[in-house]
Amino acid sequence: MPTITFIQHDGARQRIEAESGQSLMQAAQANLVPGILGDCGGSCSCATCHCYIEGAWAEALPAPAEDERLMLDCALHVLPSSRLACQVMLNEALDGLVVTLPASQL
């Protein structure tokens, strides 16, 4: 089970255990992580699961698909490290993943 640390914009941290094969959004929702709404249920048709994944963790993920890039255009405070949590599929290689949430995801 990969362990994920979510960091809120105010610095508060929440560490969760997730199941391989589920999306980062599903794992966050199952563990009541504030700021990951997932209004579209994971169909990549909103940006309410916007998050930041930086450094080596970002490099470990496949590049965002075109639909994810287009949907990120609808998000606030987009950075080069921005991703949609519904499009990040978890696996054992992501154990220890650190995800930061933008202030706009309250």
Protein backbone atom coordinates (compact mmCIF):
# COMPACT_ATOMS: atom_id res chain seq x y z
CA MET A 1 0.00 0.00 0.00
CA PRO A 2 1.51 3.32 -0.99
CA THR A 3 1.65 5.99 1.69
CA ILE A 4 0.79 9.51 0.54
CA THR A 5 1.33 12.79 2.41
CA PHE A 6 -1.01 15.67 1.59
CA ILE A 7 0.10 19.17 2.56
CA GLN A 8 -2.60 21.82 2.82
CA HIS A 9 -1.81 25.39 1.74
CA ASP A 10 -1.44 26.33 5.44
CA GLY A 11 1.19 23.61 5.99
CA ALA A 12 -1.08 21.10 7.76
CA ARG A 13 -0.10 17.54 6.82
CA GLN A 14 -2.19 14.40 6.50
CA ARG A 15 -0.60 11.02 5.83
CA ILE A 16 -2.77 8.28 4.37
CA GLU A 17 -2.42 4.74 3.11
CA ALA A 18 -3.86 4.10 -0.33
CA GLU A 19 -4.53 1.08 -2.47
CA SER A 20 -2.55 0.47 -5.62
CA GLY A 21 -4.75 0.86 -8.69
CA GLN A 22 -6.92 3.64 -7.32
CA SER A 23 -6.54 7.26 -8.28
CA LEU A 24 -4.99 9.82 -5.99
CA MET A 25 -8.41 11.50 -5.87
CA GLN A 26 -10.15 8.30 -4.76
CA ALA A 27 -7.56 7.75 -2.05
CA ALA A 28 -7.93 11.33 -0.82
CA GLN A 29 -11.72 11.13 -0.73
CA ALA A 30 -11.69 7.76 1.05
CA ASN A 31 -9.49 9.32 3.74
CA LEU A 32 -11.42 12.61 3.99
CA VAL A 33 -8.53 14.78 2.80
CA PRO A 34 -9.83 18.37 2.73
CA GLY A 35 -9.41 20.18 -0.57
CA ILE A 36 -9.89 17.23 -2.92
CA LEU A 37 -13.52 17.55 -3.95
CA GLY A 38 -13.64 15.54 -7.17
CA ASP A 39 -17.02 16.97 -8.21
CA CYS A 40 -16.97 15.08 -11.53
CA GLY A 41 -16.27 11.74 -9.86
CA GLY A 42 -12.92 11.34 -11.58
CA SER A 43 -13.98 11.76 -15.20
CA CYS A 44 -11.51 14.61 -15.82
CA SER A 45 -14.29 17.10 -16.48
CA CYS A 46 -13.65 19.56 -13.64
CA ALA A 47 -10.61 20.81 -11.78
CA THR A 48 -11.76 20.31 -8.19
CA CYS A 49 -8.99 17.80 -7.49
CA HIS A 50 -6.19 20.15 -8.57
CA CYS A 51 -2.94 19.50 -6.72
CA TYR A 52 0.80 20.01 -7.02
CA ILE A 53 3.28 17.18 -7.45
CA GLU A 54 6.87 18.34 -7.58
CA GLY A 55 10.39 17.16 -8.12
CA ALA A 56 11.24 13.51 -8.47
CA TRP A 57 7.62 12.53 -7.79
CA ALA A 58 6.45 14.49 -10.82
CA GLU A 59 9.10 12.84 -12.93
CA ALA A 60 7.90 9.40 -11.78
CA LEU A 61 4.44 10.04 -13.27
CA PRO A 62 3.41 9.82 -16.90
CA ALA A 63 2.96 13.24 -18.52
CA PRO A 64 -0.57 14.63 -18.34
CA ALA A 65 -2.80 13.68 -21.25
CA GLU A 66 -4.36 16.40 -23.40
CA ASP A 67 -7.72 16.29 -21.58
CA GLU A 68 -5.98 16.82 -18.23
CA ARG A 69 -3.95 19.73 -19.61
CA LEU A 70 -7.12 21.33 -20.99
CA MET A 71 -8.96 20.91 -17.71
CA LEU A 72 -6.06 22.44 -15.76
CA ASP A 73 -6.67 25.59 -17.79
CA CYS A 74 -9.88 25.92 -15.72
CA ALA A 75 -8.08 25.69 -12.37
CA LEU A 76 -6.83 28.57 -10.26
CA HIS A 77 -3.17 29.02 -9.30
CA VAL A 78 -1.84 26.59 -11.92
CA LEU A 79 1.88 25.88 -11.69
CA PRO A 80 4.19 23.67 -13.78
CA SER A 81 3.71 21.01 -11.06
CA SER A 82 -0.11 21.09 -11.32
CA ARG A 83 -1.96 17.81 -11.82
CA LEU A 84 -5.49 16.55 -11.45
CA ALA A 85 -5.56 13.93 -8.69
CA CYS A 86 -8.17 11.93 -10.60
CA GLN A 87 -5.60 11.31 -13.35
CA VAL A 88 -2.79 10.10 -11.07
CA MET A 89 -3.03 6.34 -10.67
CA LEU A 90 -1.33 4.98 -7.57
CA ASN A 91 1.06 2.07 -7.41
CA GLU A 92 3.78 0.79 -5.09
CA ALA A 93 6.42 2.92 -6.86
CA LEU A 94 4.62 6.01 -5.53
CA ASP A 95 5.02 4.99 -1.88
CA GLY A 96 5.98 8.17 -0.03
CA LEU A 97 4.39 10.52 -2.57
CA VAL A 98 4.02 14.10 -1.33
CA VAL A 99 1.12 16.18 -2.70
CA THR A 100 0.54 19.87 -1.99
CA LEU A 101 -2.89 21.45 -2.29
CA PRO A 102 -3.49 24.99 -3.52
CA ALA A 103 -5.25 27.62 -1.39
CA SER A 104 -8.07 27.68 -3.95
CA GLN A 105 -8.99 24.07 -3.06
CA LEU A 106 -10.70 24.90 0.24
